[in-house]
Amino acid sequence: MFLAETEPTTTYTPFDVFMVIFTVLIAAGLIRLLMQRPRKNIFAIGFGTVSLLVFLLADYKMISGW
């Protein structure tokens, strides 16, 4: 009977907001890198792409746990 009376716990933390903000910043930086006209920095584009994919995966796992 006591198990039925417990309130559901949430796994949401304030750090989740920072994760989403960092993801948006990485996406904005990657878009900025891709829009450069004269010469593109291939290493920076690759690093930004991998970072964005990692953060998107982390955000997906984080949000699915809410």
C-alpha atoms as a PDB file:
ATOM      1  CA  MET A   1       0.000   0.000   0.000  1.00  0.00           C
ATOM      2  CA  PHE A   2       2.867   2.373   0.688  1.00  0.00           C
ATOM      3  CA  LEU A   3       4.285   1.952  -2.818  1.00  0.00           C
ATOM      4  CA  ALA A   4       1.039   3.154  -4.350  1.00  0.00           C
ATOM      5  CA  GLU A   5       1.110   6.326  -2.269  1.00  0.00           C
ATOM      6  CA  THR A   6       4.521   7.576  -3.334  1.00  0.00           C
ATOM      7  CA  GLU A   7       4.685  10.516  -5.690  1.00  0.00           C
ATOM      8  CA  PRO A   8       6.316  10.020  -9.052  1.00  0.00           C
ATOM      9  CA  THR A   9       9.853  11.343  -9.070  1.00  0.00           C
ATOM     10  CA  THR A  10      11.223  13.365 -11.940  1.00  0.00           C
ATOM     11  CA  THR A  11      14.742  13.147 -13.275  1.00  0.00           C
ATOM     12  CA  TYR A  12      14.712  16.743 -14.543  1.00  0.00           C
ATOM     13  CA  THR A  13      17.645  18.812 -13.288  1.00  0.00           C
ATOM     14  CA  PRO A  14      18.619  22.438 -13.943  1.00  0.00           C
ATOM     15  CA  PHE A  15      21.692  21.162 -15.805  1.00  0.00           C
ATOM     16  CA  ASP A  16      19.344  19.962 -18.572  1.00  0.00           C
ATOM     17  CA  VAL A  17      18.708  23.586 -19.548  1.00  0.00           C
ATOM     18  CA  PHE A  18      22.452  24.156 -19.980  1.00  0.00           C
ATOM     19  CA  MET A  19      22.732  21.063 -22.173  1.00  0.00           C
ATOM     20  CA  VAL A  20      20.040  22.396 -24.517  1.00  0.00           C
ATOM     21  CA  ILE A  21      21.672  25.848 -24.595  1.00  0.00           C
ATOM     22  CA  PHE A  22      25.069  24.321 -25.448  1.00  0.00           C
ATOM     23  CA  THR A  23      23.449  22.300 -28.226  1.00  0.00           C
ATOM     24  CA  VAL A  24      21.918  25.445 -29.727  1.00  0.00           C
ATOM     25  CA  LEU A  25      25.269  27.263 -29.500  1.00  0.00           C
ATOM     26  CA  ILE A  26      27.104  24.407 -31.229  1.00  0.00           C
ATOM     27  CA  ALA A  27      24.464  24.327 -33.976  1.00  0.00           C
ATOM     28  CA  ALA A  28      24.762  28.097 -34.490  1.00  0.00           C
ATOM     29  CA  GLY A  29      28.544  27.841 -34.672  1.00  0.00           C
ATOM     30  CA  LEU A  30      28.381  25.007 -37.182  1.00  0.00           C
ATOM     31  CA  ILE A  31      25.942  26.947 -39.379  1.00  0.00           C
ATOM     32  CA  ARG A  32      28.252  29.959 -39.194  1.00  0.00           C
ATOM     33  CA  LEU A  33      31.202  27.797 -40.247  1.00  0.00           C
ATOM     34  CA  LEU A  34      29.269  26.332 -43.157  1.00  0.00           C
ATOM     35  CA  MET A  35      28.274  29.781 -44.449  1.00  0.00           C
ATOM     36  CA  GLN A  36      31.867  31.036 -44.806  1.00  0.00           C
ATOM     37  CA  ARG A  37      32.564  31.845 -48.430  1.00  0.00           C
ATOM     38  CA  PRO A  38      36.260  32.259 -49.218  1.00  0.00           C
ATOM     39  CA  ARG A  39      37.853  29.339 -47.405  1.00  0.00           C
ATOM     40  CA  LYS A  40      36.219  26.795 -45.126  1.00  0.00           C
ATOM     41  CA  ASN A  41      37.970  25.210 -42.161  1.00  0.00           C
ATOM     42  CA  ILE A  42      37.324  21.495 -42.744  1.00  0.00           C
ATOM     43  CA  PHE A  43      38.685  20.444 -39.332  1.00  0.00           C
ATOM     44  CA  ALA A  44      36.387  22.882 -37.506  1.00  0.00           C
ATOM     45  CA  ILE A  45      33.387  21.744 -39.542  1.00  0.00           C
ATOM     46  CA  GLY A  46      34.124  18.080 -38.748  1.00  0.00           C
ATOM     47  CA  PHE A  47      34.678  18.769 -35.063  1.00  0.00           C
ATOM     48  CA  GLY A  48      31.491  20.838 -34.881  1.00  0.00           C
ATOM     49  CA  THR A  49      29.499  18.131 -36.637  1.00  0.00           C
ATOM     50  CA  VAL A  50      30.712  15.400 -34.288  1.00  0.00           C
ATOM     51  CA  SER A  51      30.110  17.630 -31.259  1.00  0.00           C
ATOM     52  CA  LEU A  52      26.602  18.464 -32.443  1.00  0.00           C
ATOM     53  CA  LEU A  53      25.777  14.795 -33.003  1.00  0.00           C
ATOM     54  CA  VAL A  54      27.030  13.881 -29.517  1.00  0.00           C
ATOM     55  CA  PHE A  55      25.046  16.671 -27.890  1.00  0.00           C
ATOM     56  CA  LEU A  56      21.908  15.831 -29.877  1.00  0.00           C
ATOM     57  CA  LEU A  57      22.186  12.211 -28.773  1.00  0.00           C
ATOM     58  CA  ALA A  58      22.707  13.301 -25.157  1.00  0.00           C
ATOM     59  CA  ASP A  59      19.702  15.630 -25.382  1.00  0.00           C
ATOM     60  CA  TYR A  60      17.557  12.841 -26.805  1.00  0.00           C
ATOM     61  CA  LYS A  61      18.527  10.471 -23.985  1.00  0.00           C
ATOM     62  CA  MET A  62      18.043  13.238 -21.430  1.00  0.00           C
ATOM     63  CA  ILE A  63      14.578  14.214 -22.674  1.00  0.00           C
ATOM     64  CA  SER A  64      13.419  10.615 -23.049  1.00  0.00           C
ATOM     65  CA  GLY A  65      14.256  10.091 -19.365  1.00  0.00           C
ATOM     66  CA  TRP A  66      11.893  12.828 -18.204  1.00  0.00           C
END
